[in-house]
Amino acid sequence: MSVRRLILILFIVTQVCDGLFTYVAVSTWGAHAEANVLLSTWMALVGPAAALAGAKLIATACGILLYVRRIDRPLAMATMLYAGAAVLPWLIVFQTR
C-alpha cells in the first residue's frame, strides 16, 4: 500500500470517527456540545444525523479530490489536524466523563 493511499484512508477514518463522536456528544449533551456554529445551526435545521452526514461527506469528497489530484501535503496536514483537533479532544472528553 502506498503512503498516499494510507493518508487517504486515515483521513476518511478521522472523518468517520469525528462524525460518530460528535453525534454521540450531541445526542448526550445537546447541540451546544458542537463548537462549530455553522454545523450546530444545520443540526438545528435538519437534525444532527443529517447535518453531520452531510458535513462528513463533503469533507471526505474534498479529501478524495485532493488525493486524485495528487495534492498530498495538504491532505496529510488535514488528516493530522482532524486527528489532533477533532478526534483526540472527543476521546479526552469521553474519557473524563
N, C-alpha and C. Protein backbone atom coordinates (compact mmCIF):
# COMPACT_ATOMS: atom_id res chain seq x y z
N MET A 1 0.85 -1.18 0.00
CA MET A 1 0.00 0.00 0.00
C MET A 1 0.89 1.24 0.00
N SER A 2 0.54 2.19 -0.82
CA SER A 2 1.34 3.41 -0.90
C SER A 2 1.05 4.33 0.29
N VAL A 3 2.00 5.19 0.56
CA VAL A 3 1.83 6.18 1.63
C VAL A 3 0.66 7.10 1.31
N ARG A 4 0.50 7.45 0.05
CA ARG A 4 -0.61 8.32 -0.37
C ARG A 4 -1.95 7.69 -0.02
N ARG A 5 -2.08 6.40 -0.34
CA ARG A 5 -3.34 5.71 -0.07
C ARG A 5 -3.58 5.60 1.44
N LEU A 6 -2.53 5.35 2.19
CA LEU A 6 -2.65 5.26 3.65
C LEU A 6 -3.13 6.59 4.23
N ILE A 7 -2.59 7.69 3.73
CA ILE A 7 -3.03 9.01 4.20
C ILE A 7 -4.51 9.22 3.89
N LEU A 8 -4.95 8.84 2.70
CA LEU A 8 -6.37 8.98 2.36
C LEU A 8 -7.23 8.14 3.29
N ILE A 9 -6.82 6.91 3.52
CA ILE A 9 -7.59 6.03 4.42
C ILE A 9 -7.66 6.63 5.82
N LEU A 10 -6.53 7.12 6.32
CA LEU A 10 -6.53 7.75 7.65
C LEU A 10 -7.40 8.99 7.68
N PHE A 11 -7.41 9.76 6.59
CA PHE A 11 -8.28 10.93 6.52
C PHE A 11 -9.74 10.51 6.63
N ILE A 12 -10.11 9.49 5.89
CA ILE A 12 -11.51 9.04 5.91
C ILE A 12 -11.86 8.49 7.29
N VAL A 13 -10.95 7.76 7.90
CA VAL A 13 -11.18 7.22 9.25
C VAL A 13 -11.38 8.37 10.25
N THR A 14 -10.57 9.42 10.14
CA THR A 14 -10.75 10.56 11.06
C THR A 14 -12.10 11.23 10.85
N GLN A 15 -12.55 11.31 9.61
CA GLN A 15 -13.87 11.90 9.33
C GLN A 15 -14.98 11.07 9.96
N VAL A 16 -14.89 9.75 9.79
CA VAL A 16 -15.91 8.86 10.36
C VAL A 16 -15.90 8.96 11.88
N CYS A 17 -14.72 8.90 12.48
CA CYS A 17 -14.63 8.98 13.94
C CYS A 17 -15.16 10.31 14.46
N ASP A 18 -14.76 11.40 13.83
CA ASP A 18 -15.24 12.72 14.26
C ASP A 18 -16.76 12.80 14.15
N GLY A 19 -17.31 12.30 13.05
CA GLY A 19 -18.76 12.33 12.88
C GLY A 19 -19.48 11.51 13.94
N LEU A 20 -18.98 10.30 14.20
CA LEU A 20 -19.61 9.44 15.21
C LEU A 20 -19.48 10.02 16.61
N PHE A 21 -18.27 10.49 16.94
CA PHE A 21 -18.05 11.06 18.27
C PHE A 21 -18.90 12.31 18.48
N THR A 22 -18.99 13.14 17.45
CA THR A 22 -19.81 14.35 17.56
C THR A 22 -21.28 13.98 17.72
N TYR A 23 -21.73 12.98 16.98
CA TYR A 23 -23.13 12.56 17.10
C TYR A 23 -23.43 12.05 18.51
N VAL A 24 -22.54 11.26 19.06
CA VAL A 24 -22.73 10.75 20.43
C VAL A 24 -22.77 11.91 21.42
N ALA A 25 -21.84 12.86 21.26
CA ALA A 25 -21.80 14.00 22.17
C ALA A 25 -23.06 14.86 22.07
N VAL A 26 -23.50 15.12 20.85
CA VAL A 26 -24.70 15.95 20.66
C VAL A 26 -25.93 15.21 21.17
N SER A 27 -26.00 13.92 20.96
CA SER A 27 -27.12 13.14 21.47
C SER A 27 -27.14 13.10 22.99
N THR A 28 -25.96 13.12 23.59
CA THR A 28 -25.85 13.03 25.04
C THR A 28 -26.04 14.39 25.71
N TRP A 29 -25.35 15.42 25.20
CA TRP A 29 -25.32 16.71 25.87
C TRP A 29 -26.05 17.82 25.15
N GLY A 30 -26.57 17.57 23.98
CA GLY A 30 -27.28 18.59 23.22
C GLY A 30 -26.39 19.25 22.17
N ALA A 31 -27.01 20.05 21.32
CA ALA A 31 -26.32 20.67 20.18
C ALA A 31 -25.23 21.62 20.62
N HIS A 32 -25.30 22.14 21.83
CA HIS A 32 -24.25 23.07 22.29
C HIS A 32 -22.91 22.36 22.48
N ALA A 33 -22.89 21.02 22.43
CA ALA A 33 -21.62 20.28 22.50
C ALA A 33 -20.78 20.50 21.25
N GLU A 34 -21.41 20.91 20.17
CA GLU A 34 -20.69 21.19 18.92
C GLU A 34 -20.27 22.65 18.91
N ALA A 35 -18.98 22.89 18.84
CA ALA A 35 -18.45 24.26 18.90
C ALA A 35 -18.57 25.00 17.57
N ASN A 36 -18.71 24.27 16.47
CA ASN A 36 -18.82 24.89 15.15
C ASN A 36 -20.23 25.45 14.98
N VAL A 37 -20.35 26.76 14.94
CA VAL A 37 -21.66 27.42 14.88
C VAL A 37 -22.41 27.05 13.60
N LEU A 38 -21.71 26.98 12.49
CA LEU A 38 -22.35 26.62 11.23
C LEU A 38 -22.94 25.20 11.32
N LEU A 39 -22.17 24.28 11.84
CA LEU A 39 -22.64 22.91 11.96
C LEU A 39 -23.78 22.78 12.98
N SER A 40 -23.67 23.46 14.10
CA SER A 40 -24.75 23.38 15.09
C SER A 40 -26.04 24.02 14.56
N THR A 41 -25.91 25.04 13.73
CA THR A 41 -27.10 25.65 13.10
C THR A 41 -27.75 24.65 12.16
N TRP A 42 -26.95 23.96 11.35
CA TRP A 42 -27.50 22.95 10.46
C TRP A 42 -28.12 21.81 11.25
N MET A 43 -27.55 21.47 12.40
CA MET A 43 -28.14 20.43 13.25
C MET A 43 -29.53 20.84 13.71
N ALA A 44 -29.68 22.12 14.05
CA ALA A 44 -30.99 22.62 14.48
C ALA A 44 -31.99 22.60 13.33
N LEU A 45 -31.51 22.82 12.12
CA LEU A 45 -32.40 22.88 10.96
C LEU A 45 -32.79 21.51 10.43
N VAL A 46 -31.81 20.60 10.30
CA VAL A 46 -32.09 19.31 9.65
C VAL A 46 -31.87 18.10 10.55
N GLY A 47 -31.40 18.34 11.77
CA GLY A 47 -31.13 17.24 12.69
C GLY A 47 -29.66 16.88 12.70
N PRO A 48 -29.19 16.35 13.82
CA PRO A 48 -27.76 16.05 13.95
C PRO A 48 -27.25 15.02 12.95
N ALA A 49 -28.00 13.95 12.72
CA ALA A 49 -27.52 12.89 11.83
C ALA A 49 -27.35 13.41 10.41
N ALA A 50 -28.33 14.12 9.90
CA ALA A 50 -28.25 14.64 8.53
C ALA A 50 -27.17 15.69 8.40
N ALA A 51 -27.06 16.58 9.37
CA ALA A 51 -26.05 17.64 9.31
C ALA A 51 -24.65 17.05 9.35
N LEU A 52 -24.43 16.12 10.25
CA LEU A 52 -23.10 15.51 10.36
C LEU A 52 -22.77 14.65 9.14
N ALA A 53 -23.75 13.91 8.66
CA ALA A 53 -23.51 13.09 7.46
C ALA A 53 -23.15 13.99 6.28
N GLY A 54 -23.88 15.07 6.11
CA GLY A 54 -23.59 15.99 5.02
C GLY A 54 -22.21 16.61 5.15
N ALA A 55 -21.87 17.07 6.34
CA ALA A 55 -20.56 17.70 6.56
C ALA A 55 -19.43 16.71 6.32
N LYS A 56 -19.59 15.50 6.81
CA LYS A 56 -18.54 14.50 6.66
C LYS A 56 -18.44 13.99 5.22
N LEU A 57 -19.55 13.91 4.52
CA LEU A 57 -19.50 13.53 3.11
C LEU A 57 -18.79 14.60 2.28
N ILE A 58 -19.05 15.86 2.57
CA ILE A 58 -18.37 16.95 1.86
C ILE A 58 -16.88 16.92 2.16
N ALA A 59 -16.53 16.77 3.44
CA ALA A 59 -15.11 16.72 3.81
C ALA A 59 -14.41 15.54 3.16
N THR A 60 -15.06 14.38 3.15
CA THR A 60 -14.48 13.19 2.53
C THR A 60 -14.31 13.38 1.03
N ALA A 61 -15.30 13.97 0.40
CA ALA A 61 -15.20 14.25 -1.04
C ALA A 61 -14.03 15.19 -1.33
N CYS A 62 -13.84 16.18 -0.49
CA CYS A 62 -12.71 17.09 -0.67
C CYS A 62 -11.38 16.35 -0.49
N GLY A 63 -11.32 15.45 0.49
CA GLY A 63 -10.11 14.66 0.69
C GLY A 63 -9.82 13.77 -0.50
N ILE A 64 -10.85 13.15 -1.05
CA ILE A 64 -10.67 12.30 -2.23
C ILE A 64 -10.22 13.14 -3.42
N LEU A 65 -10.77 14.32 -3.56
CA LEU A 65 -10.35 15.22 -4.64
C LEU A 65 -8.86 15.57 -4.51
N LEU A 66 -8.43 15.87 -3.30
CA LEU A 66 -7.00 16.14 -3.10
C LEU A 66 -6.16 14.92 -3.47
N TYR A 67 -6.62 13.75 -3.09
CA TYR A 67 -5.91 12.51 -3.39
C TYR A 67 -5.81 12.30 -4.90
N VAL A 68 -6.92 12.43 -5.59
CA VAL A 68 -6.95 12.21 -7.04
C VAL A 68 -6.06 13.22 -7.76
N ARG A 69 -6.05 14.43 -7.29
CA ARG A 69 -5.23 15.48 -7.93
C ARG A 69 -3.78 15.46 -7.45
N ARG A 70 -3.45 14.49 -6.61
CA ARG A 70 -2.09 14.31 -6.09
C ARG A 70 -1.61 15.51 -5.29
N ILE A 71 -2.51 16.09 -4.53
CA ILE A 71 -2.17 17.20 -3.64
C ILE A 71 -2.01 16.58 -2.25
N ASP A 72 -0.84 16.00 -2.05
CA ASP A 72 -0.63 15.12 -0.90
C ASP A 72 -0.37 15.84 0.41
N ARG A 73 0.45 16.86 0.39
CA ARG A 73 0.81 17.52 1.65
C ARG A 73 -0.40 18.14 2.36
N PRO A 74 -1.27 18.89 1.67
CA PRO A 74 -2.46 19.41 2.37
C PRO A 74 -3.37 18.30 2.90
N LEU A 75 -3.47 17.19 2.16
CA LEU A 75 -4.29 16.07 2.65
C LEU A 75 -3.69 15.50 3.93
N ALA A 76 -2.38 15.33 3.95
CA ALA A 76 -1.71 14.83 5.15
C ALA A 76 -1.88 15.80 6.31
N MET A 77 -1.77 17.10 6.02
CA MET A 77 -1.93 18.10 7.08
C MET A 77 -3.36 18.12 7.61
N ALA A 78 -4.33 18.00 6.71
CA ALA A 78 -5.74 17.97 7.14
C ALA A 78 -6.01 16.72 8.00
N THR A 79 -5.40 15.61 7.63
CA THR A 79 -5.56 14.38 8.41
C THR A 79 -5.03 14.58 9.82
N MET A 80 -3.84 15.15 9.93
CA MET A 80 -3.26 15.40 11.26
C MET A 80 -4.09 16.42 12.04
N LEU A 81 -4.58 17.44 11.35
CA LEU A 81 -5.40 18.45 12.01
C LEU A 81 -6.68 17.83 12.58
N TYR A 82 -7.38 17.03 11.78
CA TYR A 82 -8.60 16.38 12.27
C TYR A 82 -8.31 15.43 13.41
N ALA A 83 -7.22 14.67 13.29
CA ALA A 83 -6.87 13.73 14.36
C ALA A 83 -6.58 14.47 15.67
N GLY A 84 -5.83 15.57 15.57
CA GLY A 84 -5.42 16.28 16.77
C GLY A 84 -6.42 17.28 17.30
N ALA A 85 -7.22 17.87 16.42
CA ALA A 85 -8.13 18.94 16.86
C ALA A 85 -9.59 18.51 16.91
N ALA A 86 -9.91 17.34 16.39
CA ALA A 86 -11.31 16.89 16.42
C ALA A 86 -11.46 15.54 17.12
N VAL A 87 -10.72 14.55 16.68
CA VAL A 87 -10.88 13.21 17.25
C VAL A 87 -10.29 13.13 18.66
N LEU A 88 -9.05 13.56 18.83
CA LEU A 88 -8.40 13.48 20.14
C LEU A 88 -9.18 14.23 21.23
N PRO A 89 -9.64 15.47 20.99
CA PRO A 89 -10.43 16.13 22.04
C PRO A 89 -11.69 15.36 22.44
N TRP A 90 -12.39 14.75 21.47
CA TRP A 90 -13.57 13.95 21.82
C TRP A 90 -13.16 12.75 22.67
N LEU A 91 -12.07 12.11 22.34
CA LEU A 91 -11.61 10.97 23.14
C LEU A 91 -11.30 11.41 24.57
N ILE A 92 -10.71 12.57 24.72
CA ILE A 92 -10.42 13.09 26.06
C ILE A 92 -11.71 13.39 26.80
N VAL A 93 -12.66 14.03 26.12
CA VAL A 93 -13.95 14.33 26.75
C VAL A 93 -14.64 13.06 27.22
N PHE A 94 -14.69 12.06 26.34
CA PHE A 94 -15.38 10.81 26.70
C PHE A 94 -14.65 10.08 27.81
N GLN A 95 -13.33 10.17 27.85
CA GLN A 95 -12.55 9.51 28.89
C GLN A 95 -12.78 10.15 30.26
N THR A 96 -12.96 11.47 30.28
CA THR A 96 -13.10 12.17 31.56
C THR A 96 -14.54 12.22 32.07
N ARG A 97 -15.47 11.81 31.26
CA ARG A 97 -16.89 11.86 31.71
C ARG A 97 -17.35 10.53 32.19
